[in-house]
Amino acid sequence: MFLDPDLILKSAGALAAVALPLWLGARAFRGGRTGRGAGRRLAVEEVLALDARRRLLLVRCDGREVLLLTGGGQDAVIGWLPERPAP
């Protein structure tokens, strides 16, 4: 079976015309240009399982850290931790 070179070039061009915008859109949606964590204000630093239902979370928000207790009958803020001195 012989394929016409013109048909192969047209097919490759059509595939590129569809795949390139999809790839660029996915990269922009994921924030591929900003790098990981750039501009993030909120992050879960650590999670500790206390039992089958409850978790203790250390959450960083705007450079400060807070302890949260989740999974029980009611979630609770345990408290804000003192700020660490800069190294």
Protein backbone atom coordinates (compact mmCIF):
# COMPACT_ATOMS: atom_id res chain seq x y z
CA MET A 1 0.00 0.00 0.00
CA PHE A 2 1.47 3.31 -1.12
CA LEU A 3 0.53 6.63 0.49
CA ASP A 4 0.76 9.87 -1.41
CA PRO A 5 3.38 12.21 0.17
CA ASP A 6 0.97 15.11 -0.26
CA LEU A 7 -1.66 13.26 1.76
CA ILE A 8 0.87 12.52 4.52
CA LEU A 9 1.87 16.21 4.74
CA LYS A 10 -1.76 17.33 4.85
CA SER A 11 -2.55 14.80 7.58
CA ALA A 12 0.46 15.85 9.65
CA GLY A 13 -0.50 19.52 9.25
CA ALA A 14 -4.08 18.83 10.33
CA LEU A 15 -2.87 16.86 13.34
CA ALA A 16 -0.51 19.68 14.34
CA ALA A 17 -3.29 22.26 13.87
CA VAL A 18 -5.43 20.35 16.39
CA ALA A 19 -2.77 19.13 18.83
CA LEU A 20 -0.78 22.36 19.24
CA PRO A 21 -3.67 24.54 20.52
CA LEU A 22 -4.76 21.73 22.85
CA TRP A 23 -1.26 21.39 24.27
CA LEU A 24 -0.83 25.16 24.69
CA GLY A 25 -4.25 25.45 26.34
CA ALA A 26 -3.49 22.65 28.79
CA ARG A 27 -0.14 24.20 29.65
CA ALA A 28 -1.71 27.61 30.25
CA PHE A 29 -4.52 26.07 32.32
CA ARG A 30 -2.01 24.30 34.58
CA GLY A 31 0.00 27.48 34.97
CA GLY A 32 3.06 26.07 33.26
CA ARG A 33 4.74 29.46 32.89
CA THR A 34 4.53 30.55 36.53
CA GLY A 35 6.37 27.63 38.09
CA ARG A 36 5.26 25.52 41.01
CA GLY A 37 3.94 27.44 43.99
CA ALA A 38 4.49 30.92 42.56
CA GLY A 39 1.90 33.29 43.92
CA ARG A 40 0.28 30.73 46.22
CA ARG A 41 -0.96 32.04 49.54
CA LEU A 42 -2.38 28.84 51.02
CA ALA A 43 -0.74 25.43 51.44
CA VAL A 44 -1.20 22.31 53.57
CA GLU A 45 2.23 21.75 55.10
CA GLU A 46 1.56 18.54 57.08
CA VAL A 47 -1.30 16.17 57.93
CA LEU A 48 -1.37 13.89 60.97
CA ALA A 49 -4.02 11.16 61.29
CA LEU A 50 -5.18 11.05 64.90
CA ASP A 51 -7.64 8.18 64.39
CA ALA A 52 -9.84 6.77 61.62
CA ARG A 53 -11.87 9.99 61.29
CA ARG A 54 -9.89 12.91 62.70
CA ARG A 55 -6.91 14.71 61.18
CA LEU A 56 -4.67 17.46 62.49
CA LEU A 57 -3.54 19.79 59.69
CA LEU A 58 -0.76 22.34 59.67
CA VAL A 59 -1.80 24.97 57.12
CA ARG A 60 0.33 27.89 55.93
CA CYS A 61 -1.54 31.07 54.98
CA ASP A 62 0.29 34.26 53.98
CA GLY A 63 3.45 33.08 55.71
CA ARG A 64 1.71 32.20 58.99
CA GLU A 65 0.82 28.72 60.21
CA VAL A 66 -2.40 27.48 61.80
CA LEU A 67 -3.41 24.13 63.30
CA LEU A 68 -6.81 22.75 62.22
CA LEU A 69 -8.65 19.71 63.61
CA THR A 70 -10.96 18.11 61.03
CA GLY A 71 -13.12 15.03 60.69
CA GLY A 72 -14.96 15.01 64.00
CA GLY A 73 -18.47 16.24 64.67
CA GLN A 74 -17.22 19.78 64.15
CA ASP A 75 -13.99 21.11 62.60
CA ALA A 76 -11.98 23.42 64.85
CA VAL A 77 -9.17 25.94 64.64
CA ILE A 78 -6.71 24.89 67.34
CA GLY A 79 -4.68 28.05 67.01
CA TRP A 80 -2.23 30.17 65.08
CA LEU A 81 1.42 29.33 65.68
CA PRO A 82 3.88 32.10 66.54
CA GLU A 83 5.81 33.39 63.56
CA ARG A 84 9.26 31.91 63.13
CA PRO A 85 12.21 34.31 63.06
CA ALA A 86 13.80 34.77 59.65
CA PRO A 87 17.01 32.70 59.19
